[in-house]
Protein backbone atom coordinates (compact mmCIF):
# COMPACT_ATOMS: atom_id res chain seq x y z
CA UNK A 1 -64.94 -60.14 47.03
CA UNK A 2 -67.03 -61.37 44.09
CA UNK A 3 -70.79 -61.06 44.23
CA UNK A 4 -73.24 -63.96 44.09
CA UNK A 5 -75.49 -64.77 41.18
CA UNK A 6 -79.20 -65.53 41.26
CA UNK A 7 -80.66 -68.19 39.01
CA UNK A 8 -82.47 -67.53 35.75
CA UNK A 9 -86.25 -66.99 35.63
CA UNK A 10 -86.55 -70.29 33.74
CA UNK A 11 -85.06 -72.05 36.77
CA UNK A 12 -87.58 -70.42 39.10
CA UNK A 13 -85.08 -67.77 40.17
CA UNK A 14 -84.62 -64.12 39.29
CA UNK A 15 -82.64 -62.18 36.75
CA UNK A 16 -78.89 -62.62 36.90
CA UNK A 17 -77.58 -60.03 39.33
CA UNK A 18 -74.19 -59.61 40.95
CA UNK A 19 -74.37 -58.16 44.46
CA UNK A 20 -71.02 -57.34 46.11
CA UNK A 21 -71.04 -59.05 49.49
CA UNK A 22 -69.39 -56.03 51.12
CA UNK A 23 -72.36 -53.85 50.11
CA UNK A 24 -74.99 -55.98 51.84
CA UNK A 25 -76.50 -54.64 55.08
CA UNK A 26 -76.01 -56.31 58.45
CA UNK A 27 -79.64 -55.63 59.38
CA UNK A 28 -82.79 -55.04 57.38
CA UNK A 29 -86.27 -53.83 58.30
CA UNK A 30 -89.05 -56.17 57.16
CA UNK A 31 -92.80 -55.69 57.08
CA UNK A 32 -95.62 -58.22 57.05
CA UNK A 33 -98.86 -56.73 55.75
CA UNK A 34 -101.98 -58.47 57.05
CA UNK A 35 -104.92 -57.54 54.83
CA UNK A 36 -108.67 -58.05 54.75
CA UNK A 37 -109.43 -58.87 51.12
CA UNK A 38 -112.58 -59.87 49.23
CA UNK A 39 -113.00 -62.42 46.46
CA UNK A 40 -113.29 -60.73 43.07
CA UNK A 41 -112.82 -57.18 44.40
CA UNK A 42 -109.60 -56.77 42.44
CA UNK A 43 -109.35 -52.97 42.38
CA UNK A 44 -110.13 -52.64 46.09
CA UNK A 45 -107.69 -55.45 46.95
CA UNK A 46 -104.91 -53.84 44.91
CA UNK A 47 -105.60 -50.50 46.58
CA UNK A 48 -105.46 -52.05 50.06
CA UNK A 49 -102.14 -53.70 49.21
CA UNK A 50 -100.67 -50.48 47.82
CA UNK A 51 -101.73 -48.54 50.91
CA UNK A 52 -100.14 -51.18 53.15
CA UNK A 53 -96.88 -51.09 51.17
CA UNK A 54 -96.72 -47.31 51.54
CA UNK A 55 -97.47 -47.54 55.25
CA UNK A 56 -94.68 -50.10 55.64
CA UNK A 57 -92.25 -47.89 53.74
CA UNK A 58 -93.18 -44.92 55.93
CA UNK A 59 -92.27 -47.09 58.94
CA UNK A 60 -88.84 -47.77 57.46
CA UNK A 61 -89.43 -51.17 55.88
CA UNK A 62 -87.13 -52.35 53.11
CA UNK A 63 -88.71 -55.77 52.52
CA UNK A 64 -92.51 -55.90 52.34
CA UNK A 65 -94.52 -59.13 52.20
CA UNK A 66 -98.19 -59.33 51.14
CA UNK A 67 -100.69 -62.23 51.45
CA UNK A 68 -101.35 -65.14 49.12
CA UNK A 69 -103.61 -64.38 46.11
CA UNK A 70 -103.81 -60.71 47.12
CA UNK A 71 -105.68 -59.20 44.14
CA UNK A 72 -108.09 -62.04 43.38
CA UNK A 73 -109.09 -63.34 46.79
CA UNK A 74 -108.95 -67.04 47.64
CA UNK A 75 -112.28 -68.86 48.00
CA UNK A 76 -113.18 -69.54 44.37
CA UNK A 77 -116.54 -71.11 43.59
CA UNK A 78 -115.42 -72.58 40.26
CA UNK A 79 -112.47 -72.99 37.98
CA UNK A 80 -114.11 -70.48 35.64
CA UNK A 81 -114.05 -67.87 38.39
CA UNK A 82 -110.37 -68.53 39.10
CA UNK A 83 -109.56 -68.21 35.40
CA UNK A 84 -111.51 -64.95 35.17
CA UNK A 85 -109.59 -63.48 38.12
CA UNK A 86 -106.16 -64.64 36.95
CA UNK A 87 -103.64 -62.24 35.45
CA UNK A 88 -100.27 -62.59 33.72
CA UNK A 89 -96.92 -61.79 35.30
CA UNK A 90 -96.80 -58.58 33.25
CA UNK A 91 -100.32 -57.67 34.35
CA UNK A 92 -101.53 -54.73 36.45
CA UNK A 93 -100.70 -56.15 39.89
CA UNK A 94 -97.06 -56.97 39.23
CA UNK A 95 -96.64 -53.69 37.33
CA UNK A 96 -98.12 -51.82 40.29
CA UNK A 97 -95.88 -53.57 42.82
CA UNK A 98 -92.86 -52.96 40.59
CA UNK A 99 -93.63 -49.24 40.41
CA UNK A 100 -93.97 -49.09 44.20
CA UNK A 101 -90.72 -50.98 44.67
CA UNK A 102 -88.89 -48.57 42.34
CA UNK A 103 -90.45 -45.46 43.86
CA UNK A 104 -89.87 -46.49 47.48
CA UNK A 105 -86.68 -48.56 46.94
CA UNK A 106 -88.21 -51.75 48.33
CA UNK A 107 -88.24 -55.47 47.78
CA UNK A 108 -91.91 -56.53 47.58
CA UNK A 109 -93.12 -60.13 47.74
CA UNK A 110 -96.77 -61.01 47.24
CA UNK A 111 -99.16 -63.61 45.90
CA UNK A 112 -101.26 -63.51 42.72
CA UNK A 113 -103.50 -65.85 40.73
CA UNK A 114 -101.32 -66.17 37.65
CA UNK A 115 -102.79 -66.75 34.22
CA UNK A 116 -100.61 -69.22 32.31
CA UNK A 117 -100.29 -69.34 28.51
CA UNK A 118 -102.62 -72.35 28.66
CA UNK A 119 -104.18 -74.62 31.25
CA UNK A 120 -105.16 -73.85 34.83
CA UNK A 121 -103.96 -70.83 36.76
CA UNK A 122 -100.99 -70.94 39.11
CA UNK A 123 -100.91 -69.91 42.75
CA UNK A 124 -97.86 -67.70 42.41
CA UNK A 125 -95.59 -65.64 44.64
CA UNK A 126 -93.60 -62.89 42.94
CA UNK A 127 -90.48 -61.05 44.07
CA UNK A 128 -90.05 -57.53 42.70
CA UNK A 129 -87.55 -54.79 43.46
CA UNK A 130 -86.42 -51.51 41.88
CA UNK A 131 -85.40 -53.49 38.77
CA UNK A 132 -88.86 -55.03 38.34
CA UNK A 133 -89.89 -58.69 38.47
CA UNK A 134 -87.08 -60.82 39.84
CA UNK A 135 -88.75 -64.18 40.43
CA UNK A 136 -92.06 -66.00 40.14
CA UNK A 137 -92.62 -69.12 42.23
CA UNK A 138 -95.51 -71.53 41.66
CA UNK A 139 -96.93 -73.09 44.83
CA UNK A 140 -95.89 -76.74 44.90
CA UNK A 141 -97.95 -78.12 47.79
CA UNK A 142 -101.64 -77.44 47.16
CA UNK A 143 -104.05 -77.30 50.11
CA UNK A 144 -107.67 -78.39 50.31
CA UNK A 145 -109.62 -77.62 47.13
CA UNK A 146 -106.70 -75.85 45.45
CA UNK A 147 -106.08 -78.74 42.99
CA UNK A 148 -109.52 -77.90 41.53
CA UNK A 149 -108.24 -74.46 40.53
CA UNK A 150 -104.45 -74.53 40.19
CA UNK A 151 -101.68 -76.43 38.49
CA UNK A 152 -99.00 -77.19 41.11
CA UNK A 153 -95.48 -75.96 40.60
CA UNK A 154 -92.56 -78.29 40.06
CA UNK A 155 -89.53 -76.09 40.74
CA UNK A 156 -87.64 -75.37 43.95
CA UNK A 157 -88.22 -72.09 45.78
CA UNK A 158 -86.18 -69.35 44.11
CA UNK A 159 -83.45 -67.54 46.04
CA UNK A 160 -82.83 -64.08 44.62
CA UNK A 161 -79.88 -61.82 45.23
CA UNK A 162 -81.19 -58.36 46.18
CA UNK A 163 -79.69 -55.23 47.68
CA UNK A 164 -80.94 -56.56 51.05
CA UNK A 165 -79.44 -60.03 50.76
CA UNK A 166 -80.73 -63.34 49.44
CA UNK A 167 -84.54 -63.48 49.49
CA UNK A 168 -86.43 -66.75 48.94
CA UNK A 169 -90.16 -67.26 48.60
CA UNK A 170 -92.77 -70.00 48.87
CA UNK A 171 -96.51 -70.00 49.57
CA UNK A 172 -98.56 -70.93 52.66
CA UNK A 173 -98.90 -74.74 52.82
CA UNK A 174 -95.34 -75.09 51.47
CA UNK A 175 -94.17 -74.00 54.94
CA UNK A 176 -95.55 -77.22 56.45
CA UNK A 177 -92.93 -79.31 54.63
CA UNK A 178 -89.65 -79.02 56.52
CA UNK A 179 -87.70 -80.41 53.57
CA UNK A 180 -88.95 -77.54 51.38
CA UNK A 181 -88.06 -74.85 53.92
CA UNK A 182 -84.62 -76.41 54.40
CA UNK A 183 -84.09 -76.41 50.64
CA UNK A 184 -84.31 -72.61 50.65
CA UNK A 185 -81.80 -72.48 53.51
CA UNK A 186 -79.42 -74.85 51.71
CA UNK A 187 -79.57 -72.53 48.69
CA UNK A 188 -78.32 -69.72 50.88
CA UNK A 189 -81.48 -67.76 51.63
CA UNK A 190 -81.14 -65.05 54.27
CA UNK A 191 -84.87 -64.37 54.47
CA UNK A 192 -87.80 -66.52 53.40
CA UNK A 193 -90.83 -64.42 52.43
CA UNK A 194 -94.10 -66.36 52.50
CA UNK A 195 -97.48 -65.05 51.35
CA UNK A 196 -100.15 -67.07 53.19
CA UNK A 197 -103.90 -67.54 53.58
CA UNK A 198 -104.23 -69.58 56.78
CA UNK A 199 -107.83 -70.72 57.46
CA UNK A 200 -108.62 -70.42 61.15
CA UNK A 201 -108.53 -73.64 63.14
CA UNK A 202 -111.79 -74.67 64.89
CA UNK A 203 -109.97 -74.18 68.19
CA UNK A 204 -107.31 -71.51 68.08
CA UNK A 205 -104.08 -72.44 69.82
CA UNK A 206 -103.48 -69.91 72.57
CA UNK A 207 -101.61 -67.72 72.68
CA UNK A 208 -99.89 -68.50 69.37
CA UNK A 209 -101.54 -70.08 66.28
CA UNK A 210 -99.92 -73.37 65.31
CA UNK A 211 -99.09 -71.92 61.87
CA UNK A 212 -96.89 -69.33 63.55
CA UNK A 213 -95.25 -72.03 65.68
CA UNK A 214 -94.33 -73.88 62.48
CA UNK A 215 -92.74 -70.72 61.08
CA UNK A 216 -90.75 -70.26 64.27
CA UNK A 217 -89.57 -73.87 64.09
CA UNK A 218 -88.55 -73.49 60.44
CA UNK A 219 -86.57 -70.35 61.20
CA UNK A 220 -84.85 -71.83 64.23
CA UNK A 221 -83.89 -75.17 62.69
CA UNK A 222 -82.47 -73.49 59.58
CA UNK A 223 -81.08 -70.30 61.13
CA UNK A 224 -83.02 -68.36 58.49
CA UNK A 225 -85.35 -65.40 59.02
CA UNK A 226 -88.94 -65.89 57.85
CA UNK A 227 -91.62 -63.28 57.15
CA UNK A 228 -95.19 -64.55 56.68
CA UNK A 229 -98.09 -62.31 55.62
CA UNK A 230 -101.56 -63.68 56.35
CA UNK A 231 -105.19 -62.72 55.68
CA UNK A 232 -107.77 -61.55 58.20
CA UNK A 233 -111.54 -61.32 58.16
CA UNK A 234 -114.01 -63.73 56.55
CA UNK A 235 -114.43 -64.67 52.88
CA UNK A 236 -117.37 -66.80 51.75
CA UNK A 237 -117.64 -68.32 55.19
CA UNK A 238 -113.91 -68.97 55.62
CA UNK A 239 -112.35 -67.16 58.56
CA UNK A 240 -108.65 -66.38 58.37
CA UNK A 241 -106.19 -66.88 61.20
CA UNK A 242 -104.56 -63.46 61.06
CA UNK A 243 -101.22 -65.03 61.95
CA UNK A 244 -98.86 -62.61 60.21
CA UNK A 245 -95.41 -62.64 61.76
CA UNK A 246 -91.76 -61.70 61.43
CA UNK A 247 -89.40 -64.31 62.87
CA UNK A 248 -85.67 -64.04 63.53
CA UNK A 249 -83.18 -66.73 62.56
CA UNK A 250 -83.21 -67.85 66.20
CA UNK A 251 -86.92 -68.66 65.93
CA UNK A 252 -87.95 -65.78 68.18
CA UNK A 253 -90.85 -63.54 67.19
CA UNK A 254 -89.70 -60.08 66.14
CA UNK A 255 -93.26 -58.95 65.41
CA UNK A 256 -96.71 -60.50 65.45
CA UNK A 257 -99.00 -62.16 65.34
CA UNK A 258 -101.34 -59.20 65.87
CA UNK A 259 -103.13 -59.43 69.23
CA UNK A 260 -106.44 -58.41 67.70
CA UNK A 261 -108.00 -59.56 64.42
CA UNK A 262 -107.95 -57.06 61.59
CA UNK A 263 -105.62 -55.43 59.09
CA UNK A 264 -102.13 -54.66 60.38
CA UNK A 265 -98.69 -53.68 59.15
CA UNK A 266 -96.06 -55.38 61.28
CA UNK A 267 -92.52 -54.01 61.12
CA UNK A 268 -89.37 -55.47 62.66
CA UNK A 269 -85.61 -55.51 62.32
CA UNK A 270 -83.83 -58.68 61.20
CA UNK A 271 -80.15 -59.20 61.97
CA UNK A 272 -78.57 -60.94 59.01
CA UNK A 273 -75.50 -61.82 61.04
CA UNK A 274 -77.67 -64.39 62.81
CA UNK A 275 -78.52 -65.86 59.42
CA UNK A 276 -74.94 -66.05 58.18
CA UNK A 277 -73.78 -67.82 61.35
CA UNK A 278 -75.34 -71.28 61.35
CA UNK A 279 -73.68 -72.28 64.63
CA UNK A 280 -76.09 -73.40 67.32
CA UNK A 281 -73.40 -74.08 69.93
CA UNK A 282 -69.63 -74.20 70.34
CA UNK A 283 -69.48 -77.50 68.45
CA UNK A 284 -72.72 -77.51 66.49
CA UNK A 285 -74.03 -76.11 63.22
CA UNK A 286 -77.65 -76.14 62.01
CA UNK A 287 -76.70 -77.21 58.49
CA UNK A 288 -73.21 -78.61 58.98
CA UNK A 289 -74.36 -81.30 61.43
CA UNK A 290 -76.75 -82.86 58.94
CA UNK A 291 -76.28 -86.54 57.96
CA UNK A 292 -77.76 -86.58 54.43
CA UNK A 293 -76.41 -90.07 53.76
CA UNK A 294 -78.92 -91.36 56.32
CA UNK A 295 -81.93 -89.43 55.01
CA UNK A 296 -82.74 -91.55 51.97
CA UNK A 297 -86.38 -92.31 52.97
CA UNK A 298 -87.15 -88.58 52.96
CA UNK A 299 -86.96 -88.55 49.17
CA UNK A 300 -89.50 -91.36 48.74
């Protein structure tokens, strides 16, 4: 059976790679690494991420997801600070994650503040594996003050063929747009990996944060597994939700969110057979039952 091809980096996808379908696993072990990071503490943040990746690998993880803007931190005081903390795709963070992925035979997805050739930085999620950088996605839906610091992306979430299956990525607020999550599913994603920085709500929804509920809904309605890695702690007065989670294609929580605030490495098994089978009943299909001809207003 022929393999499937990922899109080119220029299209927002990864390097062209043929993966024989027969060689893909029926289950994978995923990890969501919830980290306490600090704005501007780049070396310490990178070290915390590397330690979490190694801990996840020791627990058997094959796919490891890290938070949004891991090395830089999130709460910038000025555009100048964001520019100073930005780094290129061939910079130290992506090189470090690529080395870890090669050494430990992992797929690693994480967020960085990307320095562009010109203009404002990008809020970027990267996908790396043993072959290096496979995709770089620029956050499309910017939250809060982010337009003051970032240029929004304009390309669809990439879906990359890996040894684990088809891995898509987007960033945080992107998850709140059902059309965007469905787009990844329609492109054949098995797992959606989402670096996030979810600010805590004034009143936390008990027992499950609303951000996690949205992830569960997105997984269930698309029959697609989703792994979200969140922040914890407080940064410049902003408290983070700590809502990291691993969600099966049925929408059920496989792991998370952590019961107590603080750093955590969540590990869980995802059954890709649930992803491949989009049936939701004897006569129903999550994607096949769509009526796109009636959805015109959604594109306005």
